[in-house]
Amino acid sequence: MTTITASTGSPASTAPDLVLGYETGRASGTKVHTALSGDIAVVLAPARPRSGTLRLLYQSEAAAFAAVSLHSRAATFTLSDAERSRVHMQYTLSEGGQVRLALDETTLDAFVVTVDYQEIIP
């Protein structure tokens, strides 16, 4: 079971019926500078924390709208999944990212909440 808990506000958490998608990546921290001579200078740095997209399925319209409201706060969130411990993370809405709500195209009854996230390393 997946649970997402907000650092502030009420309600404090949401539990999607299913995680439809978890896409993640880590952008490079390395910087490459080109000198006037054409040579390059490289500054090595570790990759940034994870960022990506979560797709959450809710059978209940009310629960889906509550999840959108939860992710619209100025807050951090903790994602916990009992079956997939490696996806556990603290995150926030990514800069320029969105929280989106759509009717599930397969069932035309459930709702899909999509969250663009940026992991936070506490």
PDB file of N, CA and C in Angstrom:
ATOM      1  N   MET A   1       0.837  -1.179   0.000  1.00  0.00           N
ATOM      2  CA  MET A   1       0.000   0.000   0.000  1.00  0.00           C
ATOM      3  C   MET A   1       0.883   1.244   0.000  1.00  0.00           C
ATOM      4  N   THR A   2       0.502   2.212  -0.790  1.00  0.00           N
ATOM      5  CA  THR A   2       1.235   3.463  -0.901  1.00  0.00           C
ATOM      6  C   THR A   2       0.528   4.546  -0.108  1.00  0.00           C
ATOM      7  N   THR A   3       1.306   5.307   0.658  1.00  0.00           N
ATOM      8  CA  THR A   3       0.766   6.430   1.413  1.00  0.00           C
ATOM      9  C   THR A   3       1.632   7.647   1.138  1.00  0.00           C
ATOM     10  N   ILE A   4       0.979   8.791   0.964  1.00  0.00           N
ATOM     11  CA  ILE A   4       1.670  10.064   0.787  1.00  0.00           C
ATOM     12  C   ILE A   4       1.221  10.980   1.912  1.00  0.00           C
ATOM     13  N   THR A   5       2.185  11.461   2.696  1.00  0.00           N
ATOM     14  CA  THR A   5       1.892  12.288   3.861  1.00  0.00           C
ATOM     15  C   THR A   5       2.478  13.676   3.661  1.00  0.00           C
ATOM     16  N   ALA A   6       1.659  14.707   3.900  1.00  0.00           N
ATOM     17  CA  ALA A   6       2.100  16.096   3.767  1.00  0.00           C
ATOM     18  C   ALA A   6       2.693  16.580   5.080  1.00  0.00           C
ATOM     19  N   SER A   7       3.639  17.518   4.975  1.00  0.00           N
ATOM     20  CA  SER A   7       4.293  18.061   6.178  1.00  0.00           C
ATOM     21  C   SER A   7       3.406  19.066   6.901  1.00  0.00           C
ATOM     22  N   THR A   8       2.404  19.628   6.211  1.00  0.00           N
ATOM     23  CA  THR A   8       1.520  20.624   6.816  1.00  0.00           C
ATOM     24  C   THR A   8       0.092  20.421   6.336  1.00  0.00           C
ATOM     25  N   GLY A   9      -0.839  20.996   7.090  1.00  0.00           N
ATOM     26  CA  GLY A   9      -2.228  21.049   6.663  1.00  0.00           C
ATOM     27  C   GLY A   9      -3.034  19.814   6.979  1.00  0.00           C
ATOM     28  N   SER A  10      -4.321  19.915   6.641  1.00  0.00           N
ATOM     29  CA  SER A  10      -5.256  18.825   6.875  1.00  0.00           C
ATOM     30  C   SER A  10      -6.155  18.708   5.655  1.00  0.00           C
ATOM     31  N   PRO A  11      -6.425  17.535   5.140  1.00  0.00           N
ATOM     32  CA  PRO A  11      -5.979  16.245   5.652  1.00  0.00           C
ATOM     33  C   PRO A  11      -4.469  16.066   5.467  1.00  0.00           C
ATOM     34  N   ALA A  12      -3.909  15.224   6.286  1.00  0.00           N
ATOM     35  CA  ALA A  12      -2.455  15.075   6.321  1.00  0.00           C
ATOM     36  C   ALA A  12      -1.916  14.080   5.306  1.00  0.00           C
ATOM     37  N   SER A  13      -2.778  13.210   4.769  1.00  0.00           N
ATOM     38  CA  SER A  13      -2.249  12.173   3.881  1.00  0.00           C
ATOM     39  C   SER A  13      -3.285  11.737   2.856  1.00  0.00           C
ATOM     40  N   THR A  14      -2.786  10.976   1.880  1.00  0.00           N
ATOM     41  CA  THR A  14      -3.630  10.366   0.863  1.00  0.00           C
ATOM     42  C   THR A  14      -3.079   8.976   0.573  1.00  0.00           C
ATOM     43  N   ALA A  15      -3.967   8.080   0.189  1.00  0.00           N
ATOM     44  CA  ALA A  15      -3.565   6.713  -0.145  1.00  0.00           C
ATOM     45  C   ALA A  15      -4.218   6.339  -1.475  1.00  0.00           C
ATOM     46  N   PRO A  16      -3.478   6.457  -2.568  1.00  0.00           N
ATOM     47  CA  PRO A  16      -4.065   6.097  -3.868  1.00  0.00           C
ATOM     48  C   PRO A  16      -4.420   4.617  -3.913  1.00  0.00           C
ATOM     49  N   ASP A  17      -5.423   4.287  -4.721  1.00  0.00           N
ATOM     50  CA  ASP A  17      -5.798   2.880  -4.886  1.00  0.00           C
ATOM     51  C   ASP A  17      -4.728   2.108  -5.642  1.00  0.00           C
ATOM     52  N   LEU A  18      -3.985   2.826  -6.497  1.00  0.00           N
ATOM     53  CA  LEU A  18      -2.933   2.186  -7.279  1.00  0.00           C
ATOM     54  C   LEU A  18      -1.963   3.256  -7.773  1.00  0.00           C
ATOM     55  N   VAL A  19      -0.678   2.934  -7.787  1.00  0.00           N
ATOM     56  CA  VAL A  19       0.305   3.809  -8.423  1.00  0.00           C
ATOM     57  C   VAL A  19       0.435   3.315  -9.861  1.00  0.00           C
ATOM     58  N   LEU A  20      -0.091   4.108 -10.796  1.00  0.00           N
ATOM     59  CA  LEU A  20      -0.061   3.726 -12.213  1.00  0.00           C
ATOM     60  C   LEU A  20       1.304   3.949 -12.838  1.00  0.00           C
ATOM     61  N   GLY A  21       2.023   4.944 -12.326  1.00  0.00           N
ATOM     62  CA  GLY A  21       3.312   5.247 -12.906  1.00  0.00           C
ATOM     63  C   GLY A  21       4.243   5.921 -11.926  1.00  0.00           C
ATOM     64  N   TYR A  22       5.493   5.532 -12.013  1.00  0.00           N
ATOM     65  CA  TYR A  22       6.566   6.145 -11.230  1.00  0.00           C
ATOM     66  C   TYR A  22       7.735   6.273 -12.187  1.00  0.00           C
ATOM     67  N   GLU A  23       7.962   7.475 -12.660  1.00  0.00           N
ATOM     68  CA  GLU A  23       9.067   7.738 -13.573  1.00  0.00           C
ATOM     69  C   GLU A  23      10.047   8.647 -12.863  1.00  0.00           C
ATOM     70  N   THR A  24      11.315   8.272 -12.876  1.00  0.00           N
ATOM     71  CA  THR A  24      12.301   9.057 -12.151  1.00  0.00           C
ATOM     72  C   THR A  24      13.594   9.168 -12.941  1.00  0.00           C
ATOM     73  N   GLY A  25      14.334  10.208 -12.654  1.00  0.00           N
ATOM     74  CA  GLY A  25      15.639  10.413 -13.261  1.00  0.00           C
ATOM     75  C   GLY A  25      16.486  11.280 -12.344  1.00  0.00           C
ATOM     76  N   ARG A  26      17.782  11.295 -12.607  1.00  0.00           N
ATOM     77  CA  ARG A  26      18.703  12.118 -11.826  1.00  0.00           C
ATOM     78  C   ARG A  26      19.563  12.913 -12.794  1.00  0.00           C
ATOM     79  N   ALA A  27      19.368  14.221 -12.796  1.00  0.00           N
ATOM     80  CA  ALA A  27      20.128  15.087 -13.693  1.00  0.00           C
ATOM     81  C   ALA A  27      21.582  15.182 -13.236  1.00  0.00           C
ATOM     82  N   SER A  28      22.464  15.293 -14.191  1.00  0.00           N
ATOM     83  CA  SER A  28      23.890  15.416 -13.904  1.00  0.00           C
ATOM     84  C   SER A  28      24.178  16.727 -13.182  1.00  0.00           C
ATOM     85  N   GLY A  29      25.112  16.674 -12.255  1.00  0.00           N
ATOM     86  CA  GLY A  29      25.586  17.888 -11.588  1.00  0.00           C
ATOM     87  C   GLY A  29      26.867  18.414 -12.214  1.00  0.00           C
ATOM     88  N   THR A  30      27.436  17.659 -13.157  1.00  0.00           N
ATOM     89  CA  THR A  30      28.688  18.027 -13.798  1.00  0.00           C
ATOM     90  C   THR A  30      28.503  19.250 -14.697  1.00  0.00           C
ATOM     91  N   LYS A  31      29.485  20.152 -14.668  1.00  0.00           N
ATOM     92  CA  LYS A  31      29.470  21.355 -15.505  1.00  0.00           C
ATOM     93  C   LYS A  31      30.645  21.283 -16.480  1.00  0.00           C
ATOM     94  N   VAL A  32      30.368  21.602 -17.736  1.00  0.00           N
ATOM     95  CA  VAL A  32      31.401  21.632 -18.772  1.00  0.00           C
ATOM     96  C   VAL A  32      31.491  23.058 -19.291  1.00  0.00           C
ATOM     97  N   HIS A  33      32.694  23.618 -19.262  1.00  0.00           N
ATOM     98  CA  HIS A  33      32.933  24.989 -19.720  1.00  0.00           C
ATOM     99  C   HIS A  33      33.865  24.941 -20.924  1.00  0.00           C
ATOM    100  N   THR A  34      33.501  25.699 -21.958  1.00  0.00           N
ATOM    101  CA  THR A  34      34.329  25.770 -23.152  1.00  0.00           C
ATOM    102  C   THR A  34      35.162  27.058 -23.095  1.00  0.00           C
ATOM    103  N   ALA A  35      36.454  26.894 -23.185  1.00  0.00           N
ATOM    104  CA  ALA A  35      37.362  28.047 -23.187  1.00  0.00           C
ATOM    105  C   ALA A  35      37.385  28.674 -24.586  1.00  0.00           C
ATOM    106  N   LEU A  36      37.870  29.903 -24.667  1.00  0.00           N
ATOM    107  CA  LEU A  36      37.976  30.577 -25.962  1.00  0.00           C
ATOM    108  C   LEU A  36      38.854  29.796 -26.935  1.00  0.00           C
ATOM    109  N   SER A  37      39.801  29.047 -26.409  1.00  0.00           N
ATOM    110  CA  SER A  37      40.702  28.257 -27.251  1.00  0.00           C
ATOM    111  C   SER A  37      40.010  27.024 -27.837  1.00  0.00           C
ATOM    112  N   GLY A  38      38.817  26.710 -27.320  1.00  0.00           N
ATOM    113  CA  GLY A  38      38.113  25.504 -27.760  1.00  0.00           C
ATOM    114  C   GLY A  38      38.288  24.337 -26.818  1.00  0.00           C
ATOM    115  N   ASP A  39      39.265  24.449 -25.895  1.00  0.00           N
ATOM    116  CA  ASP A  39      39.443  23.410 -24.885  1.00  0.00           C
ATOM    117  C   ASP A  39      38.252  23.431 -23.926  1.00  0.00           C
ATOM    118  N   ILE A  40      38.095  22.361 -23.178  1.00  0.00           N
ATOM    119  CA  ILE A  40      37.019  22.330 -22.196  1.00  0.00           C
ATOM    120  C   ILE A  40      37.582  22.126 -20.795  1.00  0.00           C
ATOM    121  N   ALA A  41      36.861  22.670 -19.843  1.00  0.00           N
ATOM    122  CA  ALA A  41      37.165  22.442 -18.432  1.00  0.00           C
ATOM    123  C   ALA A  41      35.932  21.773 -17.835  1.00  0.00           C
ATOM    124  N   VAL A  42      36.154  20.751 -17.054  1.00  0.00           N
ATOM    125  CA  VAL A  42      35.055  19.976 -16.490  1.00  0.00           C
ATOM    126  C   VAL A  42      35.090  20.076 -14.970  1.00  0.00           C
ATOM    127  N   VAL A  43      33.950  20.392 -14.387  1.00  0.00           N
ATOM    128  CA  VAL A  43      33.786  20.397 -12.939  1.00  0.00           C
ATOM    129  C   VAL A  43      32.866  19.233 -12.608  1.00  0.00           C
ATOM    130  N   LEU A  44      33.415  18.214 -11.945  1.00  0.00           N
ATOM    131  CA  LEU A  44      32.634  17.025 -11.615  1.00  0.00           C
ATOM    132  C   LEU A  44      31.812  17.257 -10.349  1.00  0.00           C
ATOM    133  N   ALA A  45      30.565  16.837 -10.395  1.00  0.00           N
ATOM    134  CA  ALA A  45      29.671  16.947  -9.242  1.00  0.00           C
ATOM    135  C   ALA A  45      28.705  15.769  -9.290  1.00  0.00           C
ATOM    136  N   PRO A  46      28.218  15.338  -8.134  1.00  0.00           N
ATOM    137  CA  PRO A  46      27.282  14.213  -8.131  1.00  0.00           C
ATOM    138  C   PRO A  46      25.959  14.578  -8.805  1.00  0.00           C
ATOM    139  N   ALA A  47      25.237  13.560  -9.210  1.00  0.00           N
ATOM    140  CA  ALA A  47      23.923  13.770  -9.812  1.00  0.00           C
ATOM    141  C   ALA A  47      22.968  14.383  -8.786  1.00  0.00           C
ATOM    142  N   ARG A  48      22.018  15.147  -9.294  1.00  0.00           N
ATOM    143  CA  ARG A  48      21.009  15.764  -8.426  1.00  0.00           C
ATOM    144  C   ARG A  48      20.063  14.679  -7.889  1.00  0.00           C
ATOM    145  N   PRO A  49      19.295  14.996  -6.831  1.00  0.00           N
ATOM    146  CA  PRO A  49      18.295  14.033  -6.348  1.00  0.00           C
ATOM    147  C   PRO A  49      17.262  13.719  -7.440  1.00  0.00           C
ATOM    148  N   ARG A  50      16.508  12.659  -7.215  1.00  0.00           N
ATOM    149  CA  ARG A  50      15.519  12.209  -8.193  1.00  0.00           C
ATOM    150  C   ARG A  50      14.476  13.283  -8.513  1.00  0.00           C
ATOM    151  N   SER A  51      14.012  13.278  -9.728  1.00  0.00           N
ATOM    152  CA  SER A  51      12.862  14.082 -10.122  1.00  0.00           C
ATOM    153  C   SER A  51      12.117  13.297 -11.186  1.00  0.00           C
ATOM    154  N   GLY A  52      10.822  13.570 -11.307  1.00  0.00           N
ATOM    155  CA  GLY A  52      10.049  12.825 -12.289  1.00  0.00           C
ATOM    156  C   GLY A  52       8.564  13.040 -12.127  1.00  0.00           C
ATOM    157  N   THR A  53       7.816  11.984 -12.419  1.00  0.00           N
ATOM    158  CA  THR A  53       6.359  12.064 -12.426  1.00  0.00           C
ATOM    159  C   THR A  53       5.756  10.866 -11.711  1.00  0.00           C
ATOM    160  N   LEU A  54       4.792  11.148 -10.861  1.00  0.00           N
ATOM    161  CA  LEU A  54       3.977  10.112 -10.220  1.00  0.00           C
ATOM    162  C   LEU A  54       2.593  10.132 -10.861  1.00  0.00           C
ATOM    163  N   ARG A  55       2.040   8.956 -11.135  1.00  0.00           N
ATOM    164  CA  ARG A  55       0.664   8.849 -11.627  1.00  0.00           C
ATOM    165  C   ARG A  55      -0.107   7.983 -10.660  1.00  0.00           C
ATOM    166  N   LEU A  56      -1.104   8.581 -10.025  1.00  0.00           N
ATOM    167  CA  LEU A  56      -1.844   7.953  -8.940  1.00  0.00           C
ATOM    168  C   LEU A  56      -3.300   7.745  -9.334  1.00  0.00           C
ATOM    169  N   LEU A  57      -3.822   6.531  -9.153  1.00  0.00           N
ATOM    170  CA  LEU A  57      -5.198   6.208  -9.503  1.00  0.00           C
ATOM    171  C   LEU A  57      -6.085   6.232  -8.262  1.00  0.00           C
ATOM    172  N   TYR A  58      -7.219   6.890  -8.380  1.00  0.00           N
ATOM    173  CA  TYR A  58      -8.214   6.949  -7.312  1.00  0.00           C
ATOM    174  C   TYR A  58      -9.567   6.520  -7.875  1.00  0.00           C
ATOM    175  N   GLN A  59     -10.217   5.574  -7.214  1.00  0.00           N
ATOM    176  CA  GLN A  59     -11.564   5.168  -7.606  1.00  0.00           C
ATOM    177  C   GLN A  59     -12.590   6.219  -7.204  1.00  0.00           C
ATOM    178  N   SER A  60     -12.301   6.943  -6.140  1.00  0.00           N
ATOM    179  CA  SER A  60     -13.206   7.955  -5.610  1.00  0.00           C
ATOM    180  C   SER A  60     -12.862   9.335  -6.162  1.00  0.00           C
ATOM    181  N   GLU A  61     -13.856  10.010  -6.702  1.00  0.00           N
ATOM    182  CA  GLU A  61     -13.664  11.370  -7.205  1.00  0.00           C
ATOM    183  C   GLU A  61     -13.240  12.304  -6.076  1.00  0.00           C
ATOM    184  N   ALA A  62     -13.871  12.162  -4.912  1.00  0.00           N
ATOM    185  CA  ALA A  62     -13.538  13.013  -3.766  1.00  0.00           C
ATOM    186  C   ALA A  62     -12.086  12.811  -3.332  1.00  0.00           C
ATOM    187  N   ALA A  63     -11.625  11.559  -3.301  1.00  0.00           N
ATOM    188  CA  ALA A  63     -10.239  11.275  -2.901  1.00  0.00           C
ATOM    189  C   ALA A  63      -9.258  11.843  -3.917  1.00  0.00           C
ATOM    190  N   ALA A  64      -9.602  11.796  -5.207  1.00  0.00           N
ATOM    191  CA  ALA A  64      -8.726  12.343  -6.241  1.00  0.00           C
ATOM    192  C   ALA A  64      -8.605  13.859  -6.105  1.00  0.00           C
ATOM    193  N   PHE A  65      -9.733  14.543  -5.899  1.00  0.00           N
ATOM    194  CA  PHE A  65      -9.680  15.997  -5.728  1.00  0.00           C
ATOM    195  C   PHE A  65      -8.940  16.368  -4.438  1.00  0.00           C
ATOM    196  N   ALA A  66      -9.073  15.546  -3.398  1.00  0.00           N
ATOM    197  CA  ALA A  66      -8.342  15.795  -2.145  1.00  0.00           C
ATOM    198  C   ALA A  66      -6.842  15.633  -2.369  1.00  0.00           C
ATOM    199  N   ALA A  67      -6.435  14.675  -3.208  1.00  0.00           N
ATOM    200  CA  ALA A  67      -5.015  14.476  -3.510  1.00  0.00           C
ATOM    201  C   ALA A  67      -4.449  15.672  -4.280  1.00  0.00           C
ATOM    202  N   VAL A  68      -5.252  16.235  -5.190  1.00  0.00           N
ATOM    203  CA  VAL A  68      -4.822  17.439  -5.911  1.00  0.00           C
ATOM    204  C   VAL A  68      -4.653  18.591  -4.930  1.00  0.00           C
ATOM    205  N   SER A  69      -5.613  18.741  -4.040  1.00  0.00           N
ATOM    206  CA  SER A  69      -5.539  19.807  -3.025  1.00  0.00           C
ATOM    207  C   SER A  69      -4.319  19.623  -2.125  1.00  0.00           C
ATOM    208  N   LEU A  70      -4.074  18.400  -1.703  1.00  0.00           N
ATOM    209  CA  LEU A  70      -2.925  18.089  -0.849  1.00  0.00           C
ATOM    210  C   LEU A  70      -1.626  18.503  -1.538  1.00  0.00           C
ATOM    211  N   HIS A  71      -1.469  18.131  -2.818  1.00  0.00           N
ATOM    212  CA  HIS A  71      -0.231  18.431  -3.549  1.00  0.00           C
ATOM    213  C   HIS A  71      -0.131  19.886  -3.996  1.00  0.00           C
ATOM    214  N   SER A  72      -1.188  20.653  -3.807  1.00  0.00           N
ATOM    215  CA  SER A  72      -1.163  22.076  -4.170  1.00  0.00           C
ATOM    216  C   SER A  72      -0.642  22.953  -3.039  1.00  0.00           C
ATOM    217  N   ARG A  73      -0.416  22.367  -1.881  1.00  0.00           N
ATOM    218  CA  ARG A  73       0.095  23.115  -0.723  1.00  0.00           C
ATOM    219  C   ARG A  73       1.578  23.448  -0.880  1.00  0.00           C
ATOM    220  N   ALA A  74       1.987  24.472  -0.146  1.00  0.00           N
ATOM    221  CA  ALA A  74       3.412  24.773  -0.012  1.00  0.00           C
ATOM    222  C   ALA A  74       3.923  23.856   1.096  1.00  0.00           C
ATOM    223  N   ALA A  75       4.272  22.637   0.724  1.00  0.00           N
ATOM    224  CA  ALA A  75       4.636  21.619   1.715  1.00  0.00           C
ATOM    225  C   ALA A  75       5.616  20.638   1.102  1.00  0.00           C
ATOM    226  N   THR A  76       6.166  19.798   1.959  1.00  0.00           N
ATOM    227  CA  THR A  76       6.928  18.640   1.504  1.00  0.00           C
ATOM    228  C   THR A  76       6.061  17.417   1.741  1.00  0.00           C
ATOM    229  N   PHE A  77       6.371  16.340   1.038  1.00  0.00           N
ATOM    230  CA  PHE A  77       5.570  15.127   1.103  1.00  0.00           C
ATOM    231  C   PHE A  77       6.481  13.928   1.287  1.00  0.00           C
ATOM    232  N   THR A  78       5.981  12.931   1.991  1.00  0.00           N
ATOM    233  CA  THR A  78       6.717  11.686   2.179  1.00  0.00           C
ATOM    234  C   THR A  78       5.949  10.575   1.483  1.00  0.00           C
ATOM    235  N   LEU A  79       6.609   9.915   0.537  1.00  0.00           N
ATOM    236  CA  LEU A  79       6.032   8.781  -0.178  1.00  0.00           C
ATOM    237  C   LEU A  79       6.542   7.511   0.472  1.00  0.00           C
ATOM    238  N   SER A  80       5.616   6.673   0.923  1.00  0.00           N
ATOM    239  CA  SER A  80       5.967   5.389   1.533  1.00  0.00           C
ATOM    240  C   SER A  80       5.224   4.285   0.802  1.00  0.00           C
ATOM    241  N   ASP A  81       5.912   3.202   0.513  1.00  0.00           N
ATOM    242  CA  ASP A  81       5.300   2.052  -0.137  1.00  0.00           C
ATOM    243  C   ASP A  81       5.845   0.799   0.521  1.00  0.00           C
ATOM    244  N   ALA A  82       4.977   0.026   1.143  1.00  0.00           N
ATOM    245  CA  ALA A  82       5.391  -1.155   1.888  1.00  0.00           C
ATOM    246  C   ALA A  82       6.025  -2.216   0.985  1.00  0.00           C
ATOM    247  N   GLU A  83       5.621  -2.280  -0.277  1.00  0.00           N
ATOM    248  CA  GLU A  83       6.127  -3.303  -1.188  1.00  0.00           C
ATOM    249  C   GLU A  83       7.378  -2.868  -1.946  1.00  0.00           C
ATOM    250  N   ARG A  84       7.567  -1.552  -2.072  1.00  0.00           N
ATOM    251  CA  ARG A  84       8.714  -1.039  -2.839  1.00  0.00           C
ATOM    252  C   ARG A  84       9.459   0.001  -2.001  1.00  0.00           C
ATOM    253  N   SER A  85      10.289  -0.475  -1.110  1.00  0.00           N
ATOM    254  CA  SER A  85      10.974   0.419  -0.174  1.00  0.00           C
ATOM    255  C   SER A  85      11.928   1.387  -0.879  1.00  0.00           C
ATOM    256  N   ARG A  86      12.413   1.049  -2.060  1.00  0.00           N
ATOM    257  CA  ARG A  86      13.374   1.917  -2.750  1.00  0.00           C
ATOM    258  C   ARG A  86      12.740   3.168  -3.340  1.00  0.00           C
ATOM    259  N   VAL A  87      11.416   3.206  -3.450  1.00  0.00           N
ATOM    260  CA  VAL A  87      10.769   4.421  -3.959  1.00  0.00           C
ATOM    261  C   VAL A  87      10.455   5.403  -2.834  1.00  0.00           C
ATOM    262  N   HIS A  88      10.667   4.989  -1.587  1.00  0.00           N
ATOM    263  CA  HIS A  88      10.433   5.880  -0.450  1.00  0.00           C
ATOM    264  C   HIS A  88      11.253   7.154  -0.639  1.00  0.00           C
ATOM    265  N   MET A  89      10.583   8.308  -0.460  1.00  0.00           N
ATOM    266  CA  MET A  89      11.313   9.568  -0.594  1.00  0.00           C
ATOM    267  C   MET A  89      10.507  10.706   0.016  1.00  0.00           C
ATOM    268  N   GLN A  90      11.215  11.803   0.251  1.00  0.00           N
ATOM    269  CA  GLN A  90      10.583  13.074   0.574  1.00  0.00           C
ATOM    270  C   GLN A  90      10.689  13.921  -0.680  1.00  0.00           C
ATOM    271  N   TYR A  91       9.607  14.616  -1.014  1.00  0.00           N
ATOM    272  CA  TYR A  91       9.606  15.399  -2.240  1.00  0.00           C
ATOM    273  C   TYR A  91       8.712  16.615  -2.109  1.00  0.00           C
ATOM    274  N   THR A  92       8.790  17.462  -3.125  1.00  0.00           N
ATOM    275  CA  THR A  92       7.909  18.611  -3.265  1.00  0.00           C
ATOM    276  C   THR A  92       7.537  18.708  -4.735  1.00  0.00           C
ATOM    277  N   LEU A  93       6.578  19.537  -5.038  1.00  0.00           N
ATOM    278  CA  LEU A  93       6.230  19.778  -6.429  1.00  0.00           C
ATOM    279  C   LEU A  93       7.441  20.416  -7.105  1.00  0.00           C
ATOM    280  N   SER A  94       7.816  19.920  -8.268  1.00  0.00           N
ATOM    281  CA  SER A  94       9.016  20.438  -8.930  1.00  0.00           C
ATOM    282  C   SER A  94       8.804  21.866  -9.411  1.00  0.00           C
ATOM    283  N   GLU A  95       9.904  22.602  -9.533  1.00  0.00           N
ATOM    284  CA  GLU A  95       9.832  23.981 -10.007  1.00  0.00           C
ATOM    285  C   GLU A  95       9.224  23.996 -11.405  1.00  0.00           C
ATOM    286  N   GLY A  96       8.142  24.745 -11.570  1.00  0.00           N
ATOM    287  CA  GLY A  96       7.445  24.780 -12.848  1.00  0.00           C
ATOM    288  C   GLY A  96       6.584  23.554 -13.102  1.00  0.00           C
ATOM    289  N   GLY A  97       6.579  22.623 -12.150  1.00  0.00           N
ATOM    290  CA  GLY A  97       5.807  21.389 -12.302  1.00  0.00           C
ATOM    291  C   GLY A  97       4.330  21.612 -12.038  1.00  0.00           C
ATOM    292  N   GLN A  98       3.555  20.581 -12.298  1.00  0.00           N
ATOM    293  CA  GLN A  98       2.114  20.667 -12.139  1.00  0.00           C
ATOM    294  C   GLN A  98       1.562  19.480 -11.374  1.00  0.00           C
ATOM    295  N   VAL A  99       0.361  19.691 -10.830  1.00  0.00           N
ATOM    296  CA  VAL A  99      -0.483  18.618 -10.330  1.00  0.00           C
ATOM    297  C   VAL A  99      -1.666  18.591 -11.289  1.00  0.00           C
ATOM    298  N   ARG A 100      -1.891  17.439 -11.931  1.00  0.00           N
ATOM    299  CA  ARG A 100      -2.958  17.351 -12.922  1.00  0.00           C
ATOM    300  C   ARG A 100      -3.961  16.273 -12.527  1.00  0.00           C
ATOM    301  N   LEU A 101      -5.210  16.476 -12.936  1.00  0.00           N
ATOM    302  CA  LEU A 101      -6.292  15.527 -12.665  1.00  0.00           C
ATOM    303  C   LEU A 101      -6.962  15.187 -13.986  1.00  0.00           C
ATOM    304  N   ALA A 102      -7.173  13.894 -14.226  1.00  0.00           N
ATOM    305  CA  ALA A 102      -7.825  13.457 -15.457  1.00  0.00           C
ATOM    306  C   ALA A 102      -8.717  12.262 -15.167  1.00  0.00           C
ATOM    307  N   LEU A 103      -9.776  12.163 -15.923  1.00  0.00           N
ATOM    308  CA  LEU A 103     -10.628  10.989 -15.871  1.00  0.00           C
ATOM    309  C   LEU A 103      -9.863   9.841 -16.515  1.00  0.00           C
ATOM    310  N   ASP A 104      -9.863   8.682 -15.862  1.00  0.00           N
ATOM    311  CA  ASP A 104      -9.154   7.524 -16.400  1.00  0.00           C
ATOM    312  C   ASP A 104      -9.794   7.109 -17.720  1.00  0.00           C
ATOM    313  N   GLU A 105      -9.001   7.073 -18.785  1.00  0.00           N
ATOM    314  CA  GLU A 105      -9.518   6.782 -20.121  1.00  0.00           C
ATOM    315  C   GLU A 105      -9.987   5.342 -20.283  1.00  0.00           C
ATOM    316  N   THR A 106      -9.491   4.442 -19.452  1.00  0.00           N
ATOM    317  CA  THR A 106      -9.885   3.033 -19.563  1.00  0.00           C
ATOM    318  C   THR A 106     -11.240   2.791 -18.918  1.00  0.00           C
ATOM    319  N   THR A 107     -11.414   3.256 -17.700  1.00  0.00           N
ATOM    320  CA  THR A 107     -12.648   2.982 -16.965  1.00  0.00           C
ATOM    321  C   THR A 107     -13.711   4.061 -17.151  1.00  0.00           C
ATOM    322  N   LEU A 108     -13.281   5.278 -17.447  1.00  0.00           N
ATOM    323  CA  LEU A 108     -14.164   6.445 -17.510  1.00  0.00           C
ATOM    324  C   LEU A 108     -14.949   6.616 -16.214  1.00  0.00           C
ATOM    325  N   ASP A 109     -14.368   6.093 -15.134  1.00  0.00           N
ATOM    326  CA  ASP A 109     -15.014   6.168 -13.830  1.00  0.00           C
ATOM    327  C   ASP A 109     -14.019   6.584 -12.745  1.00  0.00           C
ATOM    328  N   ALA A 110     -12.791   6.106 -12.838  1.00  0.00           N
ATOM    329  CA  ALA A 110     -11.745   6.438 -11.871  1.00  0.00           C
ATOM    330  C   ALA A 110     -11.032   7.709 -12.318  1.00  0.00           C
ATOM    331  N   PHE A 111     -10.170   8.233 -11.433  1.00  0.00           N
ATOM    332  CA  PHE A 111      -9.445   9.463 -11.726  1.00  0.00           C
ATOM    333  C   PHE A 111      -7.948   9.242 -11.555  1.00  0.00           C
ATOM    334  N   VAL A 112      -7.164   9.905 -12.407  1.00  0.00           N
ATOM    335  CA  VAL A 112      -5.710   9.819 -12.350  1.00  0.00           C
ATOM    336  C   VAL A 112      -5.158  11.190 -11.960  1.00  0.00           C
ATOM    337  N   VAL A 113      -4.370  11.212 -10.881  1.00  0.00           N
ATOM    338  CA  VAL A 113      -3.685  12.425 -10.433  1.00  0.00           C
ATOM    339  C   VAL A 113      -2.219  12.275 -10.824  1.00  0.00           C
ATOM    340  N   THR A 114      -1.700  13.254 -11.552  1.00  0.00           N
ATOM    341  CA  THR A 114      -0.309  13.239 -11.992  1.00  0.00           C
ATOM    342  C   THR A 114       0.445  14.353 -11.282  1.00  0.00           C
ATOM    343  N   VAL A 115       1.577  14.011 -10.680  1.00  0.00           N
ATOM    344  CA  VAL A 115       2.369  14.954  -9.890  1.00  0.00           C
ATOM    345  C   VAL A 115       3.795  15.002 -10.433  1.00  0.00           C
ATOM    346  N   ASP A 116       4.256  16.193 -10.802  1.00  0.00           N
ATOM    347  CA  ASP A 116       5.657  16.400 -11.176  1.00  0.00           C
ATOM    348  C   ASP A 116       6.422  16.680  -9.877  1.00  0.00           C
ATOM    349  N   TYR A 117       7.383  15.834  -9.539  1.00  0.00           N
ATOM    350  CA  TYR A 117       8.039  15.952  -8.232  1.00  0.00           C
ATOM    351  C   TYR A 117       9.537  16.212  -8.333  1.00  0.00           C
ATOM    352  N   GLN A 118      10.071  16.753  -7.244  1.00  0.00           N
ATOM    353  CA  GLN A 118      11.510  16.922  -7.040  1.00  0.00           C
ATOM    354  C   GLN A 118      11.829  16.350  -5.669  1.00  0.00           C
ATOM    355  N   GLU A 119      12.684  15.336  -5.628  1.00  0.00           N
ATOM    356  CA  GLU A 119      13.076  14.743  -4.349  1.00  0.00           C
ATOM    357  C   GLU A 119      13.844  15.769  -3.517  1.00  0.00           C
ATOM    358  N   ILE A 120      13.661  15.690  -2.220  1.00  0.00           N
ATOM    359  CA  ILE A 120      14.379  16.536  -1.268  1.00  0.00           C
ATOM    360  C   ILE A 120      15.224  15.622  -0.398  1.00  0.00           C
ATOM    361  N   ILE A 121      16.475  15.955  -0.233  1.00  0.00           N
ATOM    362  CA  ILE A 121      17.349  15.197   0.667  1.00  0.00           C
ATOM    363  C   ILE A 121      17.384  15.955   1.990  1.00  0.00           C
ATOM    364  N   PRO A 122      16.722  15.391   3.023  1.00  0.00           N
ATOM    365  CA  PRO A 122      16.653  16.119   4.321  1.00  0.00           C
ATOM    366  C   PRO A 122      17.990  16.203   5.014  1.00  0.00           C
TER     367      PRO A 122
END
